[in-house]
PDB file of N, CA and C in Angstrom:
ATOM      1  N   UNK A   1       6.953 -30.464  19.804  1.00  0.00           N
ATOM      2  CA  UNK A   1       7.677 -31.775  19.698  1.00  0.00           C
ATOM      3  C   UNK A   1       6.563 -32.557  19.577  1.00  0.00           C
ATOM      4  N   UNK A   2       5.181 -32.636  19.703  1.00  0.00           N
ATOM      5  CA  UNK A   2       4.286 -33.213  19.403  1.00  0.00           C
ATOM      6  C   UNK A   2       3.720 -33.251  17.920  1.00  0.00           C
ATOM      7  N   UNK A   3       4.215 -32.020  17.022  1.00  0.00           N
ATOM      8  CA  UNK A   3       3.818 -32.286  15.795  1.00  0.00           C
ATOM      9  C   UNK A   3       4.678 -32.885  15.041  1.00  0.00           C
ATOM     10  N   UNK A   4       6.103 -32.600  15.475  1.00  0.00           N
ATOM     11  CA  UNK A   4       7.176 -33.395  14.731  1.00  0.00           C
ATOM     12  C   UNK A   4       6.935 -35.374  14.474  1.00  0.00           C
ATOM     13  N   UNK A   5       6.448 -35.639  15.803  1.00  0.00           N
ATOM     14  CA  UNK A   5       6.177 -36.683  16.210  1.00  0.00           C
ATOM     15  C   UNK A   5       5.260 -37.730  15.156  1.00  0.00           C
ATOM     16  N   UNK A   6       4.238 -36.595  15.015  1.00  0.00           N
ATOM     17  CA  UNK A   6       2.824 -37.109  14.194  1.00  0.00           C
ATOM     18  C   UNK A   6       3.230 -36.852  12.778  1.00  0.00           C
ATOM     19  N   UNK A   7       4.425 -36.177  12.545  1.00  0.00           N
ATOM     20  CA  UNK A   7       4.916 -35.977  10.997  1.00  0.00           C
ATOM     21  C   UNK A   7       5.929 -37.013  10.600  1.00  0.00           C
ATOM     22  N   UNK A   8       6.347 -37.621  11.430  1.00  0.00           N
ATOM     23  CA  UNK A   8       7.357 -38.582  11.370  1.00  0.00           C
ATOM     24  C   UNK A   8       6.239 -39.746  11.547  1.00  0.00           C
ATOM     25  N   UNK A   9       5.338 -39.814  12.393  1.00  0.00           N
ATOM     26  CA  UNK A   9       4.178 -41.681  11.595  1.00  0.00           C
ATOM     27  C   UNK A   9       3.785 -41.484  10.639  1.00  0.00           C
ATOM     28  N   UNK A  10       2.811 -39.788  10.484  1.00  0.00           N
ATOM     29  CA  UNK A  10       2.455 -40.102   8.807  1.00  0.00           C
ATOM     30  C   UNK A  10       3.122 -40.307   8.167  1.00  0.00           C
ATOM     31  N   UNK A  11       4.561 -40.408   8.319  1.00  0.00           N
ATOM     32  CA  UNK A  11       5.890 -40.429   6.719  1.00  0.00           C
ATOM     33  C   UNK A  11       5.741 -41.566   6.456  1.00  0.00           C
ATOM     34  N   UNK A  12       5.728 -42.096   7.868  1.00  0.00           N
ATOM     35  CA  UNK A  12       6.254 -43.681   8.045  1.00  0.00           C
ATOM     36  C   UNK A  12       4.630 -44.905   7.188  1.00  0.00           C
ATOM     37  N   UNK A  13       4.080 -44.255   7.803  1.00  0.00           N
ATOM     38  CA  UNK A  13       2.822 -44.350   7.257  1.00  0.00           C
ATOM     39  C   UNK A  13       2.430 -44.440   5.658  1.00  0.00           C
ATOM     40  N   UNK A  14       2.734 -43.293   5.556  1.00  0.00           N
ATOM     41  CA  UNK A  14       2.464 -43.352   3.901  1.00  0.00           C
ATOM     42  C   UNK A  14       3.661 -43.611   2.984  1.00  0.00           C
ATOM     43  N   UNK A  15       4.726 -43.869   3.527  1.00  0.00           N
ATOM     44  CA  UNK A  15       5.890 -44.695   3.083  1.00  0.00           C
ATOM     45  C   UNK A  15       5.276 -46.228   2.545  1.00  0.00           C
ATOM     46  N   UNK A  16       4.626 -46.726   3.716  1.00  0.00           N
ATOM     47  CA  UNK A  16       4.632 -47.967   4.261  1.00  0.00           C
ATOM     48  C   UNK A  16       3.334 -48.541   2.879  1.00  0.00           C
ATOM     49  N   UNK A  17       2.399 -47.655   2.640  1.00  0.00           N
ATOM     50  CA  UNK A  17       0.892 -47.604   2.217  1.00  0.00           C
ATOM     51  C   UNK A  17       0.991 -47.049   1.209  1.00  0.00           C
ATOM     52  N   UNK A  18       2.139 -46.629   0.348  1.00  0.00           N
ATOM     53  CA  UNK A  18       2.241 -45.572  -0.331  1.00  0.00           C
ATOM     54  C   UNK A  18       1.250 -45.720  -1.964  1.00  0.00           C
ATOM     55  N   UNK A  19       1.254 -47.387  -2.342  1.00  0.00           N
ATOM     56  CA  UNK A  19       0.398 -47.649  -3.241  1.00  0.00           C
ATOM     57  C   UNK A  19      -1.023 -47.728  -3.092  1.00  0.00           C
ATOM     58  N   UNK A  20      -1.223 -47.761  -1.919  1.00  0.00           N
ATOM     59  CA  UNK A  20      -3.024 -47.780  -1.635  1.00  0.00           C
ATOM     60  C   UNK A  20      -3.571 -46.510  -1.468  1.00  0.00           C
ATOM     61  N   UNK A  21      -5.127 -46.511  -1.060  1.00  0.00           N
ATOM     62  CA  UNK A  21      -5.389 -45.007  -1.739  1.00  0.00           C
ATOM     63  C   UNK A  21      -5.611 -44.704  -0.534  1.00  0.00           C
ATOM     64  N   UNK A  22      -5.366 -44.653   1.007  1.00  0.00           N
ATOM     65  CA  UNK A  22      -4.803 -44.443   1.782  1.00  0.00           C
ATOM     66  C   UNK A  22      -3.748 -43.562   1.926  1.00  0.00           C
ATOM     67  N   UNK A  23      -2.561 -44.682   1.903  1.00  0.00           N
ATOM     68  CA  UNK A  23      -1.530 -44.004   2.098  1.00  0.00           C
ATOM     69  C   UNK A  23      -1.420 -42.472   0.974  1.00  0.00           C
ATOM     70  N   UNK A  24      -1.768 -42.852  -0.324  1.00  0.00           N
ATOM     71  CA  UNK A  24      -1.986 -41.371  -1.467  1.00  0.00           C
ATOM     72  C   UNK A  24      -2.626 -40.179  -0.419  1.00  0.00           C
ATOM     73  N   UNK A  25      -3.886 -40.435   0.146  1.00  0.00           N
ATOM     74  CA  UNK A  25      -4.488 -39.589   0.511  1.00  0.00           C
ATOM     75  C   UNK A  25      -3.967 -38.865   1.634  1.00  0.00           C
ATOM     76  N   UNK A  26      -3.096 -39.815   2.666  1.00  0.00           N
ATOM     77  CA  UNK A  26      -2.416 -38.812   3.591  1.00  0.00           C
ATOM     78  C   UNK A  26      -1.162 -38.152   3.064  1.00  0.00           C
ATOM     79  N   UNK A  27      -0.770 -38.678   1.987  1.00  0.00           N
ATOM     80  CA  UNK A  27       0.368 -38.022   0.970  1.00  0.00           C
ATOM     81  C   UNK A  27      -0.110 -36.801   0.614  1.00  0.00           C
ATOM     82  N   UNK A  28      -0.747 -36.624   0.134  1.00  0.00           N
ATOM     83  CA  UNK A  28      -1.580 -35.581  -0.785  1.00  0.00           C
ATOM     84  C   UNK A  28      -1.859 -34.767   0.091  1.00  0.00           C
ATOM     85  N   UNK A  29      -3.093 -35.236   1.279  1.00  0.00           N
ATOM     86  CA  UNK A  29      -3.146 -34.027   2.647  1.00  0.00           C
ATOM     87  C   UNK A  29      -2.144 -33.675   3.804  1.00  0.00           C
ATOM     88  N   UNK A  30      -1.682 -34.610   4.212  1.00  0.00           N
ATOM     89  CA  UNK A  30      -0.457 -34.206   5.743  1.00  0.00           C
ATOM     90  C   UNK A  30       0.387 -34.236   4.930  1.00  0.00           C
ATOM     91  N   UNK A  31       0.988 -34.778   4.586  1.00  0.00           N
ATOM     92  CA  UNK A  31       2.494 -34.849   4.245  1.00  0.00           C
ATOM     93  C   UNK A  31       2.889 -33.727   2.749  1.00  0.00           C
ATOM     94  N   UNK A  32       2.412 -33.959   1.693  1.00  0.00           N
ATOM     95  CA  UNK A  32       2.848 -34.040   0.651  1.00  0.00           C
ATOM     96  C   UNK A  32       4.192 -34.423  -0.297  1.00  0.00           C
ATOM     97  N   UNK A  33       3.886 -34.597  -1.383  1.00  0.00           N
ATOM     98  CA  UNK A  33       4.612 -35.125  -2.478  1.00  0.00           C
ATOM     99  C   UNK A  33       6.246 -34.621  -2.106  1.00  0.00           C
ATOM    100  N   UNK A  34       6.863 -35.622  -1.721  1.00  0.00           N
ATOM    101  CA  UNK A  34       8.502 -34.862  -1.677  1.00  0.00           C
ATOM    102  C   UNK A  34       9.105 -34.056  -2.530  1.00  0.00           C
ATOM    103  N   UNK A  35       8.459 -34.069  -3.415  1.00  0.00           N
ATOM    104  CA  UNK A  35       9.151 -33.247  -4.681  1.00  0.00           C
ATOM    105  C   UNK A  35       9.125 -31.416  -4.118  1.00  0.00           C
ATOM    106  N   UNK A  36       7.777 -31.741  -3.322  1.00  0.00           N
ATOM    107  CA  UNK A  36       6.929 -30.335  -2.658  1.00  0.00           C
ATOM    108  C   UNK A  36       8.243 -29.791  -1.806  1.00  0.00           C
ATOM    109  N   UNK A  37       9.326 -30.930  -0.901  1.00  0.00           N
ATOM    110  CA  UNK A  37       9.477 -30.078  -0.018  1.00  0.00           C
ATOM    111  C   UNK A  37      11.085 -29.446  -0.444  1.00  0.00           C
ATOM    112  N   UNK A  38      12.036 -30.692  -1.930  1.00  0.00           N
ATOM    113  CA  UNK A  38      13.345 -30.428  -2.055  1.00  0.00           C
ATOM    114  C   UNK A  38      13.737 -29.122  -2.323  1.00  0.00           C
ATOM    115  N   UNK A  39      14.763 -28.431  -1.949  1.00  0.00           N
ATOM    116  CA  UNK A  39      15.485 -27.468  -2.144  1.00  0.00           C
ATOM    117  C   UNK A  39      15.515 -26.841  -3.573  1.00  0.00           C
ATOM    118  N   UNK A  40      15.160 -25.652  -4.245  1.00  0.00           N
ATOM    119  CA  UNK A  40      15.620 -25.457  -5.715  1.00  0.00           C
ATOM    120  C   UNK A  40      16.610 -24.183  -5.545  1.00  0.00           C
ATOM    121  N   UNK A  41      17.703 -24.615  -6.554  1.00  0.00           N
ATOM    122  CA  UNK A  41      18.674 -23.179  -6.298  1.00  0.00           C
ATOM    123  C   UNK A  41      18.006 -22.318  -7.599  1.00  0.00           C
ATOM    124  N   UNK A  42      17.837 -21.414  -7.557  1.00  0.00           N
ATOM    125  CA  UNK A  42      17.570 -20.679  -8.603  1.00  0.00           C
ATOM    126  C   UNK A  42      18.354 -19.600  -9.305  1.00  0.00           C
ATOM    127  N   UNK A  43      19.312 -19.320 -10.338  1.00  0.00           N
ATOM    128  CA  UNK A  43      20.413 -18.458 -11.405  1.00  0.00           C
ATOM    129  C   UNK A  43      19.325 -17.228 -11.330  1.00  0.00           C
ATOM    130  N   UNK A  44      19.744 -16.360 -10.141  1.00  0.00           N
ATOM    131  CA  UNK A  44      19.840 -14.979 -10.406  1.00  0.00           C
ATOM    132  C   UNK A  44      20.325 -14.044 -10.341  1.00  0.00           C
ATOM    133  N   UNK A  45      20.267 -12.820 -11.167  1.00  0.00           N
ATOM    134  CA  UNK A  45      21.437 -11.820 -11.085  1.00  0.00           C
ATOM    135  C   UNK A  45      20.098 -10.215 -11.361  1.00  0.00           C
ATOM    136  N   UNK A  46      20.541  -9.667 -10.429  1.00  0.00           N
ATOM    137  CA  UNK A  46      19.310  -8.366 -10.126  1.00  0.00           C
ATOM    138  C   UNK A  46      19.881  -7.574 -11.071  1.00  0.00           C
ATOM    139  N   UNK A  47      20.643  -7.381 -11.790  1.00  0.00           N
ATOM    140  CA  UNK A  47      21.358  -6.135 -12.315  1.00  0.00           C
ATOM    141  C   UNK A  47      21.159  -6.678 -14.093  1.00  0.00           C
ATOM    142  N   UNK A  48      20.578  -7.715 -14.359  1.00  0.00           N
ATOM    143  CA  UNK A  48      20.447  -7.913 -15.867  1.00  0.00           C
ATOM    144  C   UNK A  48      19.314  -6.741 -16.218  1.00  0.00           C
ATOM    145  N   UNK A  49      18.584  -6.777 -15.453  1.00  0.00           N
ATOM    146  CA  UNK A  49      18.029  -5.588 -16.386  1.00  0.00           C
ATOM    147  C   UNK A  49      18.346  -4.121 -16.245  1.00  0.00           C
ATOM    148  N   UNK A  50      19.000  -3.944 -15.278  1.00  0.00           N
ATOM    149  CA  UNK A  50      20.204  -2.309 -15.631  1.00  0.00           C
ATOM    150  C   UNK A  50      21.039  -2.850 -17.028  1.00  0.00           C
ATOM    151  N   UNK A  51      21.416  -4.014 -17.531  1.00  0.00           N
ATOM    152  CA  UNK A  51      21.926  -4.337 -18.325  1.00  0.00           C
ATOM    153  C   UNK A  51      21.568  -4.268 -19.591  1.00  0.00           C
ATOM    154  N   UNK A  52      19.969  -4.403 -19.515  1.00  0.00           N
ATOM    155  CA  UNK A  52      19.415  -4.744 -21.065  1.00  0.00           C
ATOM    156  C   UNK A  52      18.548  -3.605 -21.274  1.00  0.00           C
ATOM    157  N   UNK A  53      18.604  -3.037 -20.398  1.00  0.00           N
ATOM    158  CA  UNK A  53      17.850  -1.888 -20.721  1.00  0.00           C
ATOM    159  C   UNK A  53      17.718  -0.519 -21.873  1.00  0.00           C
ATOM    160  N   UNK A  54      18.896  -0.720 -22.299  1.00  0.00           N
ATOM    161  CA  UNK A  54      18.751   0.170 -23.291  1.00  0.00           C
ATOM    162  C   UNK A  54      18.844  -1.043 -24.836  1.00  0.00           C
ATOM    163  N   UNK A  55      19.274  -2.077 -24.635  1.00  0.00           N
ATOM    164  CA  UNK A  55      18.436  -3.242 -25.659  1.00  0.00           C
ATOM    165  C   UNK A  55      16.955  -3.672 -26.394  1.00  0.00           C
ATOM    166  N   UNK A  56      16.510  -3.233 -24.619  1.00  0.00           N
ATOM    167  CA  UNK A  56      15.216  -3.054 -24.660  1.00  0.00           C
ATOM    168  C   UNK A  56      14.341  -1.980 -25.480  1.00  0.00           C
ATOM    169  N   UNK A  57      15.561  -0.578 -25.046  1.00  0.00           N
ATOM    170  CA  UNK A  57      14.898   0.560 -25.679  1.00  0.00           C
ATOM    171  C   UNK A  57      15.080   0.797 -26.819  1.00  0.00           C
ATOM    172  N   UNK A  58      15.943   0.323 -28.192  1.00  0.00           N
ATOM    173  CA  UNK A  58      16.222   0.241 -29.495  1.00  0.00           C
ATOM    174  C   UNK A  58      15.277  -0.401 -30.129  1.00  0.00           C
ATOM    175  N   UNK A  59      15.181  -1.585 -29.319  1.00  0.00           N
ATOM    176  CA  UNK A  59      14.328  -2.775 -30.026  1.00  0.00           C
ATOM    177  C   UNK A  59      12.846  -1.895 -30.207  1.00  0.00           C
ATOM    178  N   UNK A  60      12.132  -1.910 -28.606  1.00  0.00           N
ATOM    179  CA  UNK A  60      10.695  -1.667 -28.528  1.00  0.00           C
ATOM    180  C   UNK A  60      10.025   0.025 -28.622  1.00  0.00           C
ATOM    181  N   UNK A  61      11.158   1.064 -28.273  1.00  0.00           N
ATOM    182  CA  UNK A  61      10.996   2.388 -27.996  1.00  0.00           C
ATOM    183  C   UNK A  61      10.946   2.329 -26.834  1.00  0.00           C
ATOM    184  N   UNK A  62      10.906   3.576 -25.961  1.00  0.00           N
ATOM    185  CA  UNK A  62      10.865   4.135 -24.573  1.00  0.00           C
ATOM    186  C   UNK A  62       9.565   3.724 -24.261  1.00  0.00           C
ATOM    187  N   UNK A  63       9.896   2.861 -23.183  1.00  0.00           N
ATOM    188  CA  UNK A  63       8.356   2.679 -22.246  1.00  0.00           C
ATOM    189  C   UNK A  63       7.966   1.642 -23.105  1.00  0.00           C
ATOM    190  N   UNK A  64       8.334   1.569 -24.495  1.00  0.00           N
ATOM    191  CA  UNK A  64       7.705  -0.039 -24.682  1.00  0.00           C
ATOM    192  C   UNK A  64       6.727   0.576 -25.633  1.00  0.00           C
ATOM    193  N   UNK A  65       6.965   2.099 -26.598  1.00  0.00           N
ATOM    194  CA  UNK A  65       5.775   2.257 -27.317  1.00  0.00           C
ATOM    195  C   UNK A  65       5.679   1.694 -29.008  1.00  0.00           C
ATOM    196  N   UNK A  66       6.959   1.536 -29.029  1.00  0.00           N
ATOM    197  CA  UNK A  66       7.007   0.518 -30.525  1.00  0.00           C
ATOM    198  C   UNK A  66       6.428  -0.779 -30.435  1.00  0.00           C
ATOM    199  N   UNK A  67       6.650  -1.457 -29.321  1.00  0.00           N
ATOM    200  CA  UNK A  67       5.971  -2.828 -28.855  1.00  0.00           C
ATOM    201  C   UNK A  67       4.418  -2.982 -28.636  1.00  0.00           C
ATOM    202  N   UNK A  68       3.893  -1.973 -28.235  1.00  0.00           N
ATOM    203  CA  UNK A  68       2.834  -2.023 -27.940  1.00  0.00           C
ATOM    204  C   UNK A  68       2.364  -1.910 -29.597  1.00  0.00           C
ATOM    205  N   UNK A  69       2.459  -0.510 -30.344  1.00  0.00           N
ATOM    206  CA  UNK A  69       2.311  -0.619 -32.109  1.00  0.00           C
ATOM    207  C   UNK A  69       2.366  -2.053 -32.324  1.00  0.00           C
ATOM    208  N   UNK A  70       3.175  -2.586 -31.993  1.00  0.00           N
ATOM    209  CA  UNK A  70       3.923  -3.817 -33.080  1.00  0.00           C
ATOM    210  C   UNK A  70       2.601  -5.297 -32.410  1.00  0.00           C
ATOM    211  N   UNK A  71       2.085  -4.668 -30.782  1.00  0.00           N
ATOM    212  CA  UNK A  71       1.562  -5.956 -30.871  1.00  0.00           C
ATOM    213  C   UNK A  71      -0.359  -5.944 -31.363  1.00  0.00           C
ATOM    214  N   UNK A  72      -0.610  -4.547 -31.812  1.00  0.00           N
ATOM    215  CA  UNK A  72      -1.846  -3.585 -31.863  1.00  0.00           C
ATOM    216  C   UNK A  72      -2.169  -4.740 -33.939  1.00  0.00           C
ATOM    217  N   UNK A  73      -0.453  -4.622 -34.384  1.00  0.00           N
ATOM    218  CA  UNK A  73      -0.303  -5.205 -35.986  1.00  0.00           C
ATOM    219  C   UNK A  73      -0.611  -6.855 -36.032  1.00  0.00           C
ATOM    220  N   UNK A  74      -0.701  -7.305 -34.902  1.00  0.00           N
ATOM    221  CA  UNK A  74      -1.331  -8.974 -35.237  1.00  0.00           C
ATOM    222  C   UNK A  74       0.225  -9.747 -35.977  1.00  0.00           C
ATOM    223  N   UNK A  75       0.120 -10.869 -35.866  1.00  0.00           N
ATOM    224  CA  UNK A  75       0.932 -11.837 -36.816  1.00  0.00           C
ATOM    225  C   UNK A  75       0.220 -12.926 -37.750  1.00  0.00           C
ATOM    226  N   UNK A  76      -0.439 -12.555 -38.125  1.00  0.00           N
ATOM    227  CA  UNK A  76      -1.271 -13.332 -39.278  1.00  0.00           C
ATOM    228  C   UNK A  76      -0.723 -12.724 -40.920  1.00  0.00           C
ATOM    229  N   UNK A  77       0.352 -11.794 -40.468  1.00  0.00           N
ATOM    230  CA  UNK A  77       1.244 -11.812 -42.176  1.00  0.00           C
ATOM    231  C   UNK A  77       0.668 -10.536 -42.963  1.00  0.00           C
ATOM    232  N   UNK A  78      -0.458  -9.688 -42.107  1.00  0.00           N
ATOM    233  CA  UNK A  78      -1.516  -8.730 -42.807  1.00  0.00           C
ATOM    234  C   UNK A  78      -0.534  -7.146 -41.820  1.00  0.00           C
ATOM    235  N   UNK A  79       0.273  -7.222 -41.322  1.00  0.00           N
ATOM    236  CA  UNK A  79       0.530  -6.216 -40.644  1.00  0.00           C
ATOM    237  C   UNK A  79       1.250  -5.215 -41.261  1.00  0.00           C
ATOM    238  N   UNK A  80       1.413  -5.157 -42.130  1.00  0.00           N
ATOM    239  CA  UNK A  80       1.678  -3.461 -43.072  1.00  0.00           C
ATOM    240  C   UNK A  80       0.623  -3.164 -43.518  1.00  0.00           C
ATOM    241  N   UNK A  81      -0.138  -3.797 -44.007  1.00  0.00           N
ATOM    242  CA  UNK A  81      -1.917  -3.306 -44.235  1.00  0.00           C
ATOM    243  C   UNK A  81      -2.570  -2.600 -43.009  1.00  0.00           C
ATOM    244  N   UNK A  82      -2.288  -3.422 -42.298  1.00  0.00           N
ATOM    245  CA  UNK A  82      -3.478  -3.316 -40.964  1.00  0.00           C
ATOM    246  C   UNK A  82      -2.577  -1.884 -40.499  1.00  0.00           C
ATOM    247  N   UNK A  83      -1.106  -1.750 -40.687  1.00  0.00           N
ATOM    248  CA  UNK A  83      -0.389  -0.195 -40.249  1.00  0.00           C
ATOM    249  C   UNK A  83      -0.969   0.559 -40.843  1.00  0.00           C
ATOM    250  N   UNK A  84      -0.953   0.541 -41.986  1.00  0.00           N
ATOM    251  CA  UNK A  84      -1.635   1.795 -43.163  1.00  0.00           C
ATOM    252  C   UNK A  84      -2.725   2.090 -42.979  1.00  0.00           C
ATOM    253  N   UNK A  85      -3.809   1.016 -42.481  1.00  0.00           N
ATOM    254  CA  UNK A  85      -5.167   1.416 -42.465  1.00  0.00           C
ATOM    255  C   UNK A  85      -5.532   1.900 -40.551  1.00  0.00           C
ATOM    256  N   UNK A  86      -4.160   1.446 -39.333  1.00  0.00           N
ATOM    257  CA  UNK A  86      -4.361   2.320 -38.378  1.00  0.00           C
ATOM    258  C   UNK A  86      -3.873   3.984 -38.594  1.00  0.00           C
ATOM    259  N   UNK A  87      -2.682   4.147 -39.330  1.00  0.00           N
ATOM    260  CA  UNK A  87      -2.171   5.668 -39.519  1.00  0.00           C
ATOM    261  C   UNK A  87      -3.130   6.500 -40.693  1.00  0.00           C
ATOM    262  N   UNK A  88      -4.118   5.817 -41.124  1.00  0.00           N
ATOM    263  CA  UNK A  88      -4.986   6.630 -41.693  1.00  0.00           C
ATOM    264  C   UNK A  88      -6.313   6.825 -41.167  1.00  0.00           C
ATOM    265  N   UNK A  89      -6.455   5.919 -40.245  1.00  0.00           N
ATOM    266  CA  UNK A  89      -7.522   6.314 -39.067  1.00  0.00           C
ATOM    267  C   UNK A  89      -7.330   7.307 -37.652  1.00  0.00           C
ATOM    268  N   UNK A  90      -6.039   7.235 -37.740  1.00  0.00           N
ATOM    269  CA  UNK A  90      -5.481   7.943 -36.365  1.00  0.00           C
ATOM    270  C   UNK A  90      -4.980   9.450 -37.281  1.00  0.00           C
ATOM    271  N   UNK A  91      -5.240  10.122 -38.698  1.00  0.00           N
ATOM    272  CA  UNK A  91      -5.119  11.250 -39.121  1.00  0.00           C
ATOM    273  C   UNK A  91      -5.593  12.222 -38.484  1.00  0.00           C
ATOM    274  N   UNK A  92      -4.534  13.081 -38.022  1.00  0.00           N
ATOM    275  CA  UNK A  92      -5.812  14.136 -36.925  1.00  0.00           C
ATOM    276  C   UNK A  92      -6.038  14.289 -35.772  1.00  0.00           C
ATOM    277  N   UNK A  93      -5.257  12.730 -35.001  1.00  0.00           N
ATOM    278  CA  UNK A  93      -5.556  12.420 -33.749  1.00  0.00           C
ATOM    279  C   UNK A  93      -3.657  12.558 -33.139  1.00  0.00           C
ATOM    280  N   UNK A  94      -4.768  13.144 -31.468  1.00  0.00           N
ATOM    281  CA  UNK A  94      -3.334  13.611 -30.773  1.00  0.00           C
ATOM    282  C   UNK A  94      -3.289  11.697 -30.085  1.00  0.00           C
ATOM    283  N   UNK A  95      -2.505  11.355 -30.597  1.00  0.00           N
ATOM    284  CA  UNK A  95      -2.550   9.898 -30.144  1.00  0.00           C
ATOM    285  C   UNK A  95      -3.348   9.065 -30.341  1.00  0.00           C
ATOM    286  N   UNK A  96      -4.168   9.322 -31.141  1.00  0.00           N
ATOM    287  CA  UNK A  96      -5.405   8.408 -31.197  1.00  0.00           C
ATOM    288  C   UNK A  96      -6.593   9.071 -30.747  1.00  0.00           C
ATOM    289  N   UNK A  97      -6.465   9.685 -30.181  1.00  0.00           N
ATOM    290  CA  UNK A  97      -7.668  10.264 -28.601  1.00  0.00           C
ATOM    291  C   UNK A  97      -8.430  11.366 -29.456  1.00  0.00           C
ATOM    292  N   UNK A  98      -9.562  11.626 -29.746  1.00  0.00           N
ATOM    293  CA  UNK A  98     -10.495  12.954 -29.989  1.00  0.00           C
ATOM    294  C   UNK A  98     -10.623  13.513 -28.999  1.00  0.00           C
ATOM    295  N   UNK A  99     -10.406  12.874 -27.701  1.00  0.00           N
ATOM    296  CA  UNK A  99     -10.362  14.275 -26.300  1.00  0.00           C
ATOM    297  C   UNK A  99      -9.853  14.719 -26.312  1.00  0.00           C
ATOM    298  N   UNK A 100      -8.135  14.464 -26.384  1.00  0.00           N
ATOM    299  CA  UNK A 100      -7.288  15.659 -26.652  1.00  0.00           C
ATOM    300  C   UNK A 100      -7.320  16.602 -27.652  1.00  0.00           C
ATOM    301  N   UNK A 101      -7.913  16.640 -28.239  1.00  0.00           N
ATOM    302  CA  UNK A 101      -7.443  17.474 -29.590  1.00  0.00           C
ATOM    303  C   UNK A 101      -7.889  19.131 -29.344  1.00  0.00           C
ATOM    304  N   UNK A 102      -6.907  19.885 -30.056  1.00  0.00           N
ATOM    305  CA  UNK A 102      -7.119  21.260 -29.399  1.00  0.00           C
ATOM    306  C   UNK A 102      -8.273  21.776 -30.195  1.00  0.00           C
TER     307      UNK A 102
END
């Protein structure tokens, strides 16, 4: 009860002194801006991932393997040249790692 009364008093003071530095200080530290206390509603569909899974796999490969390769190619327009260089570098390697070679 005591806390509610204190919050109400700070609220009245901050609204009356909102233009001054004391009111701004009280509003920032004790009460908070009104936008913080507004309720927000988010449209959320938990099943959207299940529906889009096939699309992701078709586009990026299983577990994103094509996506990881595509990110390594860059966005500067030299993706084809860089892919050729990476494939030449990885010839004879198992997944690009020397430690896994037989």
